[in-house]
Amino acid sequence: MAGEVIRYGNHPASIREYLLGAVGVPVVVAGVPKQRPKSFVVLEPSGGSDSSVVHGWRSMIVDSWAESQGDAFDLALDVEAHLRALRNERIRGVLIYKARPLGGIVWMPDPDAKVPRFRQNFEFLTRGEAI
């Protein structure tokens, strides 16, 4: 017999909404916009793990892009600061207890477009809901 069915919410959409109001640039999930803005953030879900029946860590790659290396790094610092401040928020129906970086900010320019980009990895402790 199956146990209780727990579904985790759409954490990428929740983090996107949170950052849109915080960093002042476009934030997209999983892909570079076709009409590339001067500065933007890309969120890419990258797995995770469960820590209890209803709590799970959800991982995400967070890329910060801008026209100059300095602007891209400043954007990455802003994103990092806002994500670290995320505590006990319900956004788009997803309860996010906290966010934590996995490592630091890494220089990773786009090899094709030659555009400055910095990458960081984050984990988000979320709560699933019974369905």
C-alpha atoms as a PDB file:
ATOM      1  CA  MET A   1       0.000   0.000   0.000  1.00  0.00           C
ATOM      2  CA  ALA A   2       1.326   3.425  -0.958  1.00  0.00           C
ATOM      3  CA  GLY A   3       2.094   6.017   1.694  1.00  0.00           C
ATOM      4  CA  GLU A   4       0.995   9.622   1.691  1.00  0.00           C
ATOM      5  CA  VAL A   5       1.726  11.330  -1.635  1.00  0.00           C
ATOM      6  CA  ILE A   6       3.869  14.448  -1.154  1.00  0.00           C
ATOM      7  CA  ARG A   7       4.268  16.946  -3.986  1.00  0.00           C
ATOM      8  CA  TYR A   8       6.834  19.735  -3.980  1.00  0.00           C
ATOM      9  CA  GLY A   9       5.837  23.006  -5.592  1.00  0.00           C
ATOM     10  CA  ASN A  10       7.386  24.787  -8.547  1.00  0.00           C
ATOM     11  CA  HIS A  11      10.419  26.216  -6.751  1.00  0.00           C
ATOM     12  CA  PRO A  12      12.026  27.699  -9.906  1.00  0.00           C
ATOM     13  CA  ALA A  13       8.912  29.814 -10.541  1.00  0.00           C
ATOM     14  CA  SER A  14       8.875  30.862  -6.875  1.00  0.00           C
ATOM     15  CA  ILE A  15      12.535  31.887  -6.858  1.00  0.00           C
ATOM     16  CA  ARG A  16      12.023  33.714 -10.155  1.00  0.00           C
ATOM     17  CA  GLU A  17       9.153  35.739  -8.714  1.00  0.00           C
ATOM     18  CA  TYR A  18      11.158  36.531  -5.577  1.00  0.00           C
ATOM     19  CA  LEU A  19      14.206  37.707  -7.535  1.00  0.00           C
ATOM     20  CA  LEU A  20      12.162  39.719 -10.051  1.00  0.00           C
ATOM     21  CA  GLY A  21      11.096  42.007  -7.248  1.00  0.00           C
ATOM     22  CA  ALA A  22      14.569  42.173  -5.760  1.00  0.00           C
ATOM     23  CA  VAL A  23      17.279  42.557  -8.414  1.00  0.00           C
ATOM     24  CA  GLY A  24      15.653  44.795 -11.034  1.00  0.00           C
ATOM     25  CA  VAL A  25      16.598  42.743 -14.111  1.00  0.00           C
ATOM     26  CA  PRO A  26      14.761  40.028 -16.059  1.00  0.00           C
ATOM     27  CA  VAL A  27      14.893  36.582 -14.428  1.00  0.00           C
ATOM     28  CA  VAL A  28      14.191  33.513 -16.558  1.00  0.00           C
ATOM     29  CA  VAL A  29      14.026  29.779 -15.899  1.00  0.00           C
ATOM     30  CA  ALA A  30      16.125  27.336 -17.932  1.00  0.00           C
ATOM     31  CA  GLY A  31      17.381  29.219 -20.959  1.00  0.00           C
ATOM     32  CA  VAL A  32      18.774  32.459 -22.280  1.00  0.00           C
ATOM     33  CA  PRO A  33      16.098  34.802 -23.686  1.00  0.00           C
ATOM     34  CA  LYS A  34      16.066  35.070 -27.497  1.00  0.00           C
ATOM     35  CA  GLN A  35      16.017  38.862 -27.173  1.00  0.00           C
ATOM     36  CA  ARG A  36      18.995  39.052 -24.826  1.00  0.00           C
ATOM     37  CA  PRO A  37      18.678  41.942 -22.318  1.00  0.00           C
ATOM     38  CA  LYS A  38      21.792  43.858 -21.239  1.00  0.00           C
ATOM     39  CA  SER A  39      21.604  42.193 -17.802  1.00  0.00           C
ATOM     40  CA  PHE A  40      19.597  39.183 -16.662  1.00  0.00           C
ATOM     41  CA  VAL A  41      19.541  36.131 -14.406  1.00  0.00           C
ATOM     42  CA  VAL A  42      18.959  32.533 -15.483  1.00  0.00           C
ATOM     43  CA  LEU A  43      17.745  29.879 -13.029  1.00  0.00           C
ATOM     44  CA  GLU A  44      18.316  26.206 -13.848  1.00  0.00           C
ATOM     45  CA  PRO A  45      16.927  23.452 -11.613  1.00  0.00           C
ATOM     46  CA  SER A  46      19.690  20.961 -10.866  1.00  0.00           C
ATOM     47  CA  GLY A  47      18.301  18.249  -8.616  1.00  0.00           C
ATOM     48  CA  GLY A  48      18.067  17.971  -4.883  1.00  0.00           C
ATOM     49  CA  SER A  49      17.447  15.573  -2.038  1.00  0.00           C
ATOM     50  CA  ASP A  50      14.861  14.842   0.642  1.00  0.00           C
ATOM     51  CA  SER A  51      15.659  15.454   4.289  1.00  0.00           C
ATOM     52  CA  SER A  52      12.366  14.136   5.713  1.00  0.00           C
ATOM     53  CA  VAL A  53       8.981  12.958   4.499  1.00  0.00           C
ATOM     54  CA  VAL A  54       7.880  16.539   3.740  1.00  0.00           C
ATOM     55  CA  HIS A  55      11.136  18.544   3.611  1.00  0.00           C
ATOM     56  CA  GLY A  56      13.482  18.628   0.675  1.00  0.00           C
ATOM     57  CA  TRP A  57      16.534  20.505  -0.534  1.00  0.00           C
ATOM     58  CA  ARG A  58      16.100  21.666  -4.117  1.00  0.00           C
ATOM     59  CA  SER A  59      19.231  22.695  -6.015  1.00  0.00           C
ATOM     60  CA  MET A  60      19.518  25.413  -8.612  1.00  0.00           C
ATOM     61  CA  ILE A  61      22.241  26.882 -10.817  1.00  0.00           C
ATOM     62  CA  VAL A  62      21.999  30.675 -10.848  1.00  0.00           C
ATOM     63  CA  ASP A  63      23.725  32.565 -13.670  1.00  0.00           C
ATOM     64  CA  SER A  64      24.113  36.353 -13.679  1.00  0.00           C
ATOM     65  CA  TRP A  65      24.787  37.973 -17.066  1.00  0.00           C
ATOM     66  CA  ALA A  66      25.705  41.563 -17.964  1.00  0.00           C
ATOM     67  CA  GLU A  67      27.591  43.599 -20.556  1.00  0.00           C
ATOM     68  CA  SER A  68      30.752  43.933 -18.464  1.00  0.00           C
ATOM     69  CA  GLN A  69      32.530  41.608 -16.075  1.00  0.00           C
ATOM     70  CA  GLY A  70      32.124  44.112 -13.250  1.00  0.00           C
ATOM     71  CA  ASP A  71      28.384  44.521 -13.821  1.00  0.00           C
ATOM     72  CA  ALA A  72      27.885  40.754 -14.032  1.00  0.00           C
ATOM     73  CA  PHE A  73      29.766  40.256 -10.756  1.00  0.00           C
ATOM     74  CA  ASP A  74      27.787  43.022  -9.040  1.00  0.00           C
ATOM     75  CA  LEU A  75      24.560  41.375 -10.207  1.00  0.00           C
ATOM     76  CA  ALA A  76      25.763  38.004  -8.897  1.00  0.00           C
ATOM     77  CA  LEU A  77      26.523  39.618  -5.527  1.00  0.00           C
ATOM     78  CA  ASP A  78      23.033  41.155  -5.415  1.00  0.00           C
ATOM     79  CA  VAL A  79      21.427  37.815  -6.277  1.00  0.00           C
ATOM     80  CA  GLU A  80      23.492  36.055  -3.621  1.00  0.00           C
ATOM     81  CA  ALA A  81      22.543  38.617  -0.957  1.00  0.00           C
ATOM     82  CA  HIS A  82      18.831  38.378  -1.727  1.00  0.00           C
ATOM     83  CA  LEU A  83      18.820  34.587  -1.815  1.00  0.00           C
ATOM     84  CA  ARG A  84      20.708  34.361   1.491  1.00  0.00           C
ATOM     85  CA  ALA A  85      18.053  36.641   3.029  1.00  0.00           C
ATOM     86  CA  LEU A  86      15.191  34.359   1.940  1.00  0.00           C
ATOM     87  CA  ARG A  87      13.631  32.924   5.106  1.00  0.00           C
ATOM     88  CA  ASN A  88      10.272  31.277   5.779  1.00  0.00           C
ATOM     89  CA  GLU A  89       8.508  32.729   2.748  1.00  0.00           C
ATOM     90  CA  ARG A  90       5.556  31.252   0.883  1.00  0.00           C
ATOM     91  CA  ILE A  91       5.881  32.328  -2.752  1.00  0.00           C
ATOM     92  CA  ARG A  92       3.493  31.032  -5.417  1.00  0.00           C
ATOM     93  CA  GLY A  93       2.326  28.403  -2.939  1.00  0.00           C
ATOM     94  CA  VAL A  94       5.841  27.093  -2.197  1.00  0.00           C
ATOM     95  CA  LEU A  95       7.101  27.339   1.371  1.00  0.00           C
ATOM     96  CA  ILE A  96      10.831  28.066   1.303  1.00  0.00           C
ATOM     97  CA  TYR A  97      12.492  27.874   4.706  1.00  0.00           C
ATOM     98  CA  LYS A  98      15.914  29.065   3.621  1.00  0.00           C
ATOM     99  CA  ALA A  99      18.493  29.183   0.868  1.00  0.00           C
ATOM    100  CA  ARG A 100      22.167  28.395   1.101  1.00  0.00           C
ATOM    101  CA  PRO A 101      24.991  28.678  -1.403  1.00  0.00           C
ATOM    102  CA  LEU A 102      26.947  25.620  -2.460  1.00  0.00           C
ATOM    103  CA  GLY A 103      30.415  27.061  -2.928  1.00  0.00           C
ATOM    104  CA  GLY A 104      31.025  30.566  -4.152  1.00  0.00           C
ATOM    105  CA  ILE A 105      30.525  32.752  -7.188  1.00  0.00           C
ATOM    106  CA  VAL A 106      32.420  31.432 -10.222  1.00  0.00           C
ATOM    107  CA  TRP A 107      33.526  33.294 -13.370  1.00  0.00           C
ATOM    108  CA  MET A 108      32.009  31.445 -16.334  1.00  0.00           C
ATOM    109  CA  PRO A 109      31.775  33.575 -19.488  1.00  0.00           C
ATOM    110  CA  ASP A 110      29.519  32.342 -22.273  1.00  0.00           C
ATOM    111  CA  PRO A 111      31.921  30.521 -24.663  1.00  0.00           C
ATOM    112  CA  ASP A 112      29.787  31.201 -27.757  1.00  0.00           C
ATOM    113  CA  ALA A 113      28.459  34.724 -27.273  1.00  0.00           C
ATOM    114  CA  LYS A 114      31.522  35.906 -25.293  1.00  0.00           C
ATOM    115  CA  VAL A 115      29.213  37.578 -22.759  1.00  0.00           C
ATOM    116  CA  PRO A 116      30.286  38.021 -19.111  1.00  0.00           C
ATOM    117  CA  ARG A 117      28.566  35.567 -16.791  1.00  0.00           C
ATOM    118  CA  PHE A 118      29.024  34.487 -13.202  1.00  0.00           C
ATOM    119  CA  ARG A 119      27.588  31.236 -11.844  1.00  0.00           C
ATOM    120  CA  GLN A 120      26.628  30.138  -8.376  1.00  0.00           C
ATOM    121  CA  ASN A 121      24.826  27.122  -7.005  1.00  0.00           C
ATOM    122  CA  PHE A 122      22.151  27.290  -4.326  1.00  0.00           C
ATOM    123  CA  GLU A 123      20.028  24.879  -2.337  1.00  0.00           C
ATOM    124  CA  PHE A 124      16.561  25.765  -1.088  1.00  0.00           C
ATOM    125  CA  LEU A 125      14.934  23.973   1.826  1.00  0.00           C
ATOM    126  CA  THR A 126      11.277  23.602   0.871  1.00  0.00           C
ATOM    127  CA  ARG A 127       8.216  21.869   2.214  1.00  0.00           C
ATOM    128  CA  GLY A 128       6.116  19.499   0.179  1.00  0.00           C
ATOM    129  CA  GLU A 129       2.351  19.231   0.517  1.00  0.00           C
ATOM    130  CA  ALA A 130       0.167  16.136   0.649  1.00  0.00           C
ATOM    131  CA  ILE A 131      -2.031  15.682  -2.405  1.00  0.00           C
END
